[in-house]
Amino acid sequence: MAKKAALQIVTANHLTEGHSVFLTEDGWSADHHQSIIAPTAEQAAALEATAKKDEDRNLVVGVYLVEVALDEAGRPEPTHYREKLRVRARPSFWDDSPIPVA
């Protein structure tokens, strides 16, 4: 039986600020819930290619795909421990609201 393709989002680190960011319809955001979700391997590869263009433009660094599952509200949540920590690791001087990254 073939394994079902996992949902994926794209993450990286903001080049000048250093914090984790996620690819959205409007660019990059610190809020992973706004991420574009790729339901197929082909769409995930296309998203990653788009993100790597931003890496080439020195907007972000360390682009990679993250496997996610949808929560009760239909928002993406990482399935692996490392990424679960990354979405919760925020600088202590930020308030609790998500901060969009240009």
Protein backbone atom coordinates (compact mmCIF):
# COMPACT_ATOMS: atom_id res chain seq x y z
CA MET A 1 0.00 0.00 0.00
CA ALA A 2 1.37 3.41 -0.98
CA LYS A 3 2.06 5.88 1.77
CA LYS A 4 -0.17 8.95 1.67
CA ALA A 5 1.76 12.14 0.92
CA ALA A 6 2.23 14.35 3.96
CA LEU A 7 1.08 17.94 4.11
CA GLN A 8 4.05 20.31 4.15
CA ILE A 9 4.88 23.97 4.72
CA VAL A 10 8.12 25.88 4.13
CA THR A 11 10.21 27.40 6.90
CA ALA A 12 13.47 29.34 7.07
CA ASN A 13 15.15 31.89 9.29
CA HIS A 14 14.81 35.62 8.74
CA LEU A 15 18.24 36.68 7.55
CA THR A 16 18.68 39.85 9.61
CA GLU A 17 16.48 39.03 12.62
CA GLY A 18 17.34 35.32 12.93
CA HIS A 19 13.92 34.05 14.01
CA SER A 20 11.88 31.33 12.31
CA VAL A 21 9.60 32.42 9.49
CA PHE A 22 7.09 30.58 7.32
CA LEU A 23 6.15 31.07 3.67
CA THR A 24 2.67 32.59 3.24
CA GLU A 25 0.63 33.96 0.37
CA ASP A 26 1.96 37.42 1.29
CA GLY A 27 5.63 36.54 1.77
CA TRP A 28 7.13 35.44 5.09
CA SER A 29 5.52 35.50 8.54
CA ALA A 30 6.50 34.49 12.05
CA ASP A 31 3.02 32.91 12.34
CA HIS A 32 3.10 29.32 11.06
CA HIS A 33 -0.70 29.23 10.97
CA GLN A 34 -0.58 31.55 7.94
CA SER A 35 1.64 29.16 5.97
CA ILE A 36 0.81 27.93 2.50
CA ILE A 37 0.08 24.21 2.83
CA ALA A 38 1.31 21.88 0.10
CA PRO A 39 -0.84 18.72 -0.09
CA THR A 40 1.36 16.93 -2.66
CA ALA A 41 5.07 16.34 -3.12
CA GLU A 42 4.98 18.30 -6.38
CA GLN A 43 3.37 21.33 -4.74
CA ALA A 44 5.83 21.11 -1.85
CA ALA A 45 8.75 21.11 -4.29
CA ALA A 46 7.29 24.17 -6.03
CA LEU A 47 6.89 26.01 -2.71
CA GLU A 48 10.44 25.14 -1.74
CA ALA A 49 11.71 26.44 -5.10
CA THR A 50 9.85 29.71 -4.54
CA ALA A 51 11.34 30.01 -1.06
CA LYS A 52 14.85 29.32 -2.35
CA LYS A 53 14.50 32.34 -4.66
CA ASP A 54 14.02 34.45 -1.51
CA GLU A 55 17.07 32.75 -0.02
CA ASP A 56 19.04 33.70 -3.16
CA ARG A 57 17.82 37.30 -2.66
CA ASN A 58 19.14 37.22 0.94
CA LEU A 59 15.74 37.62 2.60
CA VAL A 60 15.87 34.29 4.43
CA VAL A 61 18.37 31.51 5.08
CA GLY A 62 18.05 27.75 5.65
CA VAL A 63 14.91 27.02 3.65
CA TYR A 64 13.36 23.58 4.18
CA LEU A 65 10.05 21.72 4.16
CA VAL A 66 8.19 20.84 7.35
CA GLU A 67 5.64 18.04 7.64
CA VAL A 68 2.41 19.23 9.24
CA ALA A 69 -1.01 17.99 10.31
CA LEU A 70 -4.09 20.16 10.54
CA ASP A 71 -5.45 21.05 13.97
CA GLU A 72 -9.17 21.20 14.83
CA ALA A 73 -9.41 24.66 13.22
CA GLY A 74 -7.71 23.50 10.01
CA ARG A 75 -4.43 25.28 10.79
CA PRO A 76 -1.05 23.62 10.14
CA GLU A 77 0.84 22.25 13.14
CA PRO A 78 4.26 20.61 12.80
CA THR A 79 4.39 16.87 13.45
CA HIS A 80 8.08 16.60 14.38
CA TYR A 81 9.54 17.67 17.71
CA ARG A 82 12.19 20.05 16.28
CA GLU A 83 9.64 22.09 14.34
CA LYS A 84 7.18 22.05 17.25
CA LEU A 85 9.88 23.84 19.25
CA ARG A 86 10.69 26.25 16.41
CA VAL A 87 7.10 27.51 16.14
CA ARG A 88 6.99 28.16 19.87
CA ALA A 89 10.45 29.65 20.26
CA ARG A 90 9.97 33.40 20.19
CA PRO A 91 12.26 36.14 21.41
CA SER A 92 11.32 37.15 24.94
CA PHE A 93 10.79 40.78 23.93
CA TRP A 94 7.95 39.90 21.49
CA ASP A 95 4.39 40.08 22.70
CA ASP A 96 2.11 37.10 22.03
CA SER A 97 0.71 38.35 18.74
CA PRO A 98 2.28 37.06 15.51
CA ILE A 99 4.64 39.48 13.80
CA PRO A 100 4.57 39.55 10.00
CA VAL A 101 7.96 39.66 8.30
CA ALA A 102 8.36 41.56 5.04
